[in-house]
Every structure is written in structure tokens, then in C-alpha cells.
Amino acid sequence: MTHHDDTQSTASDSPVLILGATSGIGALTVDEALDRGLRVRGFARGADAMDPREGLEPCVGDAQKPEDLLRALQGVSAVIYALGVKERPAMVWREETLFSRTTAALIDAMQATGVRRLVAVTGFGAGRSRDAMSALEKLGHNAVLGRVYDDKSRQESLIMESGLDWTIARPVILTKGARTGTARVLREPDEWRNGLISRSDVAAYLVDAVIDGLDIQRDVVLAR
């Protein structure tokens, strides 16, 4: 037991790197981690605009640049990947590659720096969870988000093949609601289903996954 406590204290002494730290789930994950006493390195192109807070180290960088990722990874205990793309009309027809490109660069940089723990947010409908969608859900999803989710599926494959201590978290439809603390982690494919979940509940799970070592080398769906 003592040994476990030692590792916990060491982990909390090293910052957690949060990619996409200034918006959406990433920004809420920064808040959640700081509220729980973790040190956070908040990585984003606009990180210099983050409000100064105890335990927060803003880290300006572009997740597509290997040199920025290598710098950001120095001395961290874990990485939370929470990059998103802004919804825009071109999503419907333009190929998306941001998720797979940044994830490939991140995996290389993690392997080079010896950081092993990666918790990545994708979404319900990516990778293996696509099979859990109804025909109607697939139709609507493909029409609007098909290209984005094709890339999230490529991203998931890269993560699963990386050999890292990864967790893939797929939230269902996101809301702006408050943290409820009652979100469910659906671990078995036959439980996977669509629904709603607040971004704050997703952030809480991501921090839980880092602190408690949850769901290593597992892909889960997060729903209310």
C-alpha cells in the first residue's frame, strides 16, 4: 500500500500535459485537474492568454509541430488529448486530417521522451463504436460529421497500435450542462449507446483516468 501512495505522490509532482487546453473539454479538464490539486501544463496555440492560476503552466505550441510537442512533454507524467475542431460548413465536404496528424506526431514524441500514459477524447461513432450506432444515427452522423469521424477512427487506430498506456474515451452528444458526477463509463461494446453527457462530466472522467489509472488499453463510451 505504501508503495502505491509513493507512486501517487510522484505522479502529482509531475505536471499532466493537456492538449487543447483553452477551449471545450480541454479547458474544463484544466479546471478539473487544478481543482483536484494536480499540476497542469496547458498546451494550446493561445495558451499565453490563459488566466494565471496556482499549479498551471501555460505552454504555447502547435500540436502539429514535433518540436513543440517534444518541449511540452519534458517531465510530464501523463497526457490528456482534448483537441477539437470548430464546427463549420466545410466539415461536410472537406477531408479532415488534424486528429490523425497530431496524434501521430504526439505518439512519436511520447515514445521519444518516455512518457507512457495517454488519455484521448474522440467521440461516439469513431472506431469500434460506429457499429453501436443505429442505421438512422449513422445516416445523420455521416452526412454532417462523416469526414471528421473518419479521421477520429484513423486516430484511434494509431493510438491502439502505439504500445502506450492509452485510454480512448468516446463521449456521446455533448451538452454545456454542469458536472453531475453520475456519468456512466460504458466499457463493454454491447452496452455502447448514444445519448447526452456534459463536457464537465467528460472532464471529470479524464482526470479520474489519469489519477486512478483507469481503463488502460481500453476504449470506452461515456454517457449519462
Protein backbone atom coordinates (compact mmCIF):
# COMPACT_ATOMS: atom_id res chain seq x y z
CA MET A 1 0.00 0.00 0.00
CA THR A 2 2.81 2.38 0.89
CA HIS A 3 4.38 1.77 -2.49
CA HIS A 4 1.12 2.79 -4.22
CA ASP A 5 0.99 6.02 -2.19
CA ASP A 6 4.58 6.81 -3.19
CA THR A 7 3.77 6.49 -6.87
CA GLN A 8 0.69 8.68 -6.43
CA SER A 9 2.72 11.47 -4.83
CA THR A 10 5.40 11.25 -7.52
CA ALA A 11 2.77 11.43 -10.25
CA SER A 12 1.20 14.50 -8.68
CA ASP A 13 4.61 16.23 -8.51
CA SER A 14 4.93 15.98 -12.30
CA PRO A 15 2.51 18.01 -14.39
CA VAL A 16 -0.17 16.50 -16.59
CA LEU A 17 0.01 17.81 -20.16
CA ILE A 18 -3.41 18.81 -21.53
CA LEU A 19 -3.58 19.38 -25.30
CA GLY A 20 -6.36 21.70 -26.41
CA ALA A 21 -6.29 23.45 -23.04
CA THR A 22 -8.05 26.68 -23.97
CA SER A 23 -11.42 25.52 -25.28
CA GLY A 24 -14.22 23.00 -24.85
CA ILE A 25 -13.45 19.81 -22.96
CA GLY A 26 -9.76 20.73 -22.71
CA ALA A 27 -10.43 23.97 -20.80
CA LEU A 28 -12.81 22.18 -18.42
CA THR A 29 -10.23 19.42 -17.90
CA VAL A 30 -7.66 22.05 -16.90
CA ASP A 31 -10.13 23.38 -14.30
CA GLU A 32 -10.95 19.90 -13.03
CA ALA A 33 -7.31 18.85 -12.70
CA LEU A 34 -6.32 22.08 -10.90
CA ASP A 35 -9.33 21.77 -8.55
CA ARG A 36 -8.04 18.31 -7.60
CA GLY A 37 -4.56 19.60 -6.86
CA LEU A 38 -2.77 18.33 -9.97
CA ARG A 39 -0.14 20.41 -11.68
CA VAL A 40 -1.16 21.16 -15.26
CA ARG A 41 0.81 22.12 -18.34
CA GLY A 42 -1.85 23.67 -20.58
CA PHE A 43 -0.86 23.34 -24.24
CA ALA A 44 -2.52 25.40 -26.98
CA ARG A 45 -1.62 27.94 -29.60
CA GLY A 46 -3.29 30.58 -27.43
CA ALA A 47 -2.02 29.29 -24.09
CA ASP A 48 -0.41 32.65 -23.28
CA ALA A 49 -3.92 34.09 -22.82
CA MET A 50 -4.81 31.62 -20.02
CA ASP A 51 -5.54 33.21 -16.63
CA PRO A 52 -2.66 32.64 -14.20
CA ARG A 53 -3.58 30.04 -11.59
CA GLU A 54 -1.82 28.08 -8.89
CA GLY A 55 -0.42 24.89 -10.45
CA LEU A 56 -0.95 25.97 -14.07
CA GLU A 57 1.92 26.28 -16.53
CA PRO A 58 0.73 27.65 -19.88
CA CYS A 59 2.64 26.14 -22.80
CA VAL A 60 2.26 27.84 -26.18
CA GLY A 61 2.59 25.43 -29.09
CA ASP A 62 1.11 23.83 -32.16
CA ALA A 63 0.19 20.15 -31.81
CA GLN A 64 1.19 19.59 -35.45
CA LYS A 65 4.83 20.55 -34.72
CA PRO A 66 7.00 17.75 -33.32
CA GLU A 67 9.45 20.23 -31.74
CA ASP A 68 6.60 21.90 -29.79
CA LEU A 69 5.34 18.52 -28.56
CA LEU A 70 8.83 17.36 -27.51
CA ARG A 71 9.27 20.56 -25.49
CA ALA A 72 5.82 20.24 -23.91
CA LEU A 73 6.39 16.60 -22.88
CA GLN A 74 9.53 17.22 -20.82
CA GLY A 75 8.95 15.95 -17.29
CA VAL A 76 5.21 15.23 -17.54
CA SER A 77 3.54 12.19 -16.00
CA ALA A 78 0.62 11.83 -18.43
CA VAL A 79 -1.04 13.40 -21.47
CA ILE A 80 -4.71 14.23 -21.98
CA TYR A 81 -5.53 14.80 -25.66
CA ALA A 82 -8.60 17.04 -25.96
CA LEU A 83 -8.12 18.79 -29.29
CA GLY A 84 -11.28 19.64 -31.18
CA VAL A 85 -12.24 21.32 -34.44
CA LYS A 86 -14.68 24.21 -34.73
CA GLU A 87 -17.93 23.24 -36.41
CA ARG A 88 -18.07 24.84 -39.83
CA PRO A 89 -19.87 24.17 -43.14
CA ALA A 90 -16.70 22.86 -44.84
CA MET A 91 -16.73 19.90 -42.40
CA VAL A 92 -19.32 18.30 -44.66
CA TRP A 93 -17.14 18.07 -47.77
CA ARG A 94 -13.52 18.75 -46.82
CA GLU A 95 -11.28 15.90 -45.71
CA GLU A 96 -10.21 16.18 -42.07
CA THR A 97 -6.70 15.08 -41.04
CA LEU A 98 -5.99 17.14 -37.91
CA PHE A 99 -6.71 14.34 -35.43
CA SER A 100 -4.61 11.66 -37.12
CA ARG A 101 -1.73 14.04 -37.91
CA THR A 102 -1.46 15.50 -34.40
CA THR A 103 -1.88 12.06 -32.81
CA ALA A 104 0.87 10.52 -34.99
CA ALA A 105 3.20 13.39 -34.01
CA LEU A 106 2.23 13.06 -30.33
CA ILE A 107 2.83 9.30 -30.23
CA ASP A 108 6.29 9.73 -31.79
CA ALA A 109 7.13 12.47 -29.28
CA MET A 110 5.84 10.41 -26.32
CA GLN A 111 7.91 7.42 -27.42
CA ALA A 112 10.98 9.68 -27.77
CA THR A 113 10.53 11.19 -24.30
CA GLY A 114 9.43 8.03 -22.48
CA VAL A 115 6.00 9.38 -21.43
CA ARG A 116 3.66 6.37 -21.42
CA ARG A 117 0.21 7.46 -20.26
CA LEU A 118 -2.20 8.87 -22.85
CA VAL A 119 -5.90 9.57 -22.32
CA ALA A 120 -7.54 10.70 -25.58
CA VAL A 121 -11.03 12.04 -26.22
CA THR A 122 -12.56 11.02 -29.56
CA GLY A 123 -16.34 10.58 -29.82
CA PHE A 124 -19.18 8.08 -30.09
CA GLY A 125 -19.22 6.90 -33.70
CA ALA A 126 -15.43 6.66 -34.04
CA GLY A 127 -13.59 3.37 -34.41
CA ARG A 128 -15.30 0.30 -32.95
CA SER A 129 -18.19 2.36 -31.54
CA ARG A 130 -19.52 3.04 -35.04
CA ASP A 131 -21.09 -0.43 -35.02
CA ALA A 132 -23.15 0.58 -31.96
CA MET A 133 -25.00 3.30 -33.90
CA SER A 134 -28.43 2.68 -35.35
CA ALA A 135 -28.88 2.98 -39.13
CA LEU A 136 -30.63 6.32 -38.63
CA GLU A 137 -27.86 7.64 -36.37
CA LYS A 138 -25.24 6.58 -38.91
CA LEU A 139 -27.11 8.39 -41.68
CA GLY A 140 -27.28 11.72 -39.86
CA HIS A 141 -23.80 11.38 -38.43
CA ASN A 142 -22.20 10.57 -41.79
CA ALA A 143 -23.96 13.47 -43.52
CA VAL A 144 -22.50 16.10 -41.18
CA LEU A 145 -19.58 14.58 -39.30
CA GLY A 146 -18.53 11.73 -41.58
CA ARG A 147 -15.14 13.18 -42.56
CA VAL A 148 -14.29 14.29 -39.04
CA TYR A 149 -15.12 10.85 -37.65
CA ASP A 150 -13.23 9.04 -40.41
CA ASP A 151 -10.19 10.89 -39.10
CA LYS A 152 -11.04 10.16 -35.46
CA SER A 153 -11.19 6.48 -36.45
CA ARG A 154 -7.71 6.75 -38.00
CA GLN A 155 -6.60 8.48 -34.79
CA GLU A 156 -7.97 5.63 -32.66
CA SER A 157 -6.12 3.03 -34.74
CA LEU A 158 -2.84 4.90 -34.27
CA ILE A 159 -3.40 5.06 -30.51
CA MET A 160 -4.31 1.38 -30.22
CA GLU A 161 -1.21 0.36 -32.16
CA SER A 162 1.12 2.70 -30.23
CA GLY A 163 2.10 0.37 -27.39
CA LEU A 164 1.48 3.23 -24.93
CA ASP A 165 -0.68 3.01 -21.79
CA TRP A 166 -3.62 4.52 -23.64
CA THR A 167 -7.28 5.08 -22.88
CA ILE A 168 -9.75 6.16 -25.57
CA ALA A 169 -12.79 8.00 -24.18
CA ARG A 170 -15.74 8.49 -26.54
CA PRO A 171 -18.35 10.88 -25.22
CA VAL A 172 -21.84 10.77 -26.71
CA ILE A 173 -23.58 14.06 -27.66
CA LEU A 174 -22.05 16.87 -25.61
CA THR A 175 -24.02 19.42 -23.59
CA LYS A 176 -22.97 22.55 -21.70
CA GLY A 177 -24.57 21.20 -18.51
CA ALA A 178 -22.95 21.17 -15.07
CA ARG A 179 -20.94 18.25 -13.78
CA THR A 180 -23.37 15.68 -12.40
CA GLY A 181 -20.91 13.06 -11.14
CA THR A 182 -23.33 10.40 -12.38
CA ALA A 183 -21.96 9.84 -15.90
CA ARG A 184 -21.54 6.20 -16.82
CA VAL A 185 -18.43 4.63 -18.27
CA LEU A 186 -19.68 2.01 -20.74
CA ARG A 187 -16.84 -0.47 -21.04
CA GLU A 188 -18.47 -3.35 -22.94
CA PRO A 189 -19.38 -2.92 -26.63
CA ASP A 190 -22.84 -4.40 -26.05
CA GLU A 191 -23.59 -1.52 -23.62
CA TRP A 192 -22.50 1.21 -26.03
CA ARG A 193 -25.32 3.58 -26.98
CA ASN A 194 -25.90 7.19 -27.90
CA GLY A 195 -27.23 9.83 -25.51
CA LEU A 196 -26.15 13.06 -23.85
CA ILE A 197 -23.31 13.95 -21.50
CA SER A 198 -21.99 17.26 -20.21
CA ARG A 199 -18.48 18.34 -21.14
CA SER A 200 -17.84 18.79 -17.40
CA ASP A 201 -18.62 15.11 -16.75
CA VAL A 202 -16.25 14.13 -19.57
CA ALA A 203 -13.51 16.30 -18.00
CA ALA A 204 -14.06 14.59 -14.62
CA TYR A 205 -13.59 11.14 -16.20
CA LEU A 206 -10.39 12.20 -17.99
CA VAL A 207 -8.87 13.35 -14.71
CA ASP A 208 -10.10 10.20 -12.92
CA ALA A 209 -8.46 8.10 -15.64
CA VAL A 210 -5.10 9.81 -15.05
CA ILE A 211 -5.24 9.82 -11.22
CA ASP A 212 -6.59 6.28 -10.80
CA GLY A 213 -5.03 4.59 -13.85
CA LEU A 214 -8.46 3.66 -15.23
CA ASP A 215 -9.15 1.68 -18.41
CA ILE A 216 -5.59 1.24 -19.60
CA GLN A 217 -5.54 -0.06 -23.19
CA ARG A 218 -9.33 0.12 -23.30
CA ASP A 219 -11.78 2.13 -25.40
CA VAL A 220 -14.88 3.25 -23.54
CA VAL A 221 -18.05 5.26 -24.24
CA LEU A 222 -19.09 7.98 -21.79
CA ALA A 223 -22.83 8.63 -21.40
CA ARG A 224 -25.28 9.81 -18.80
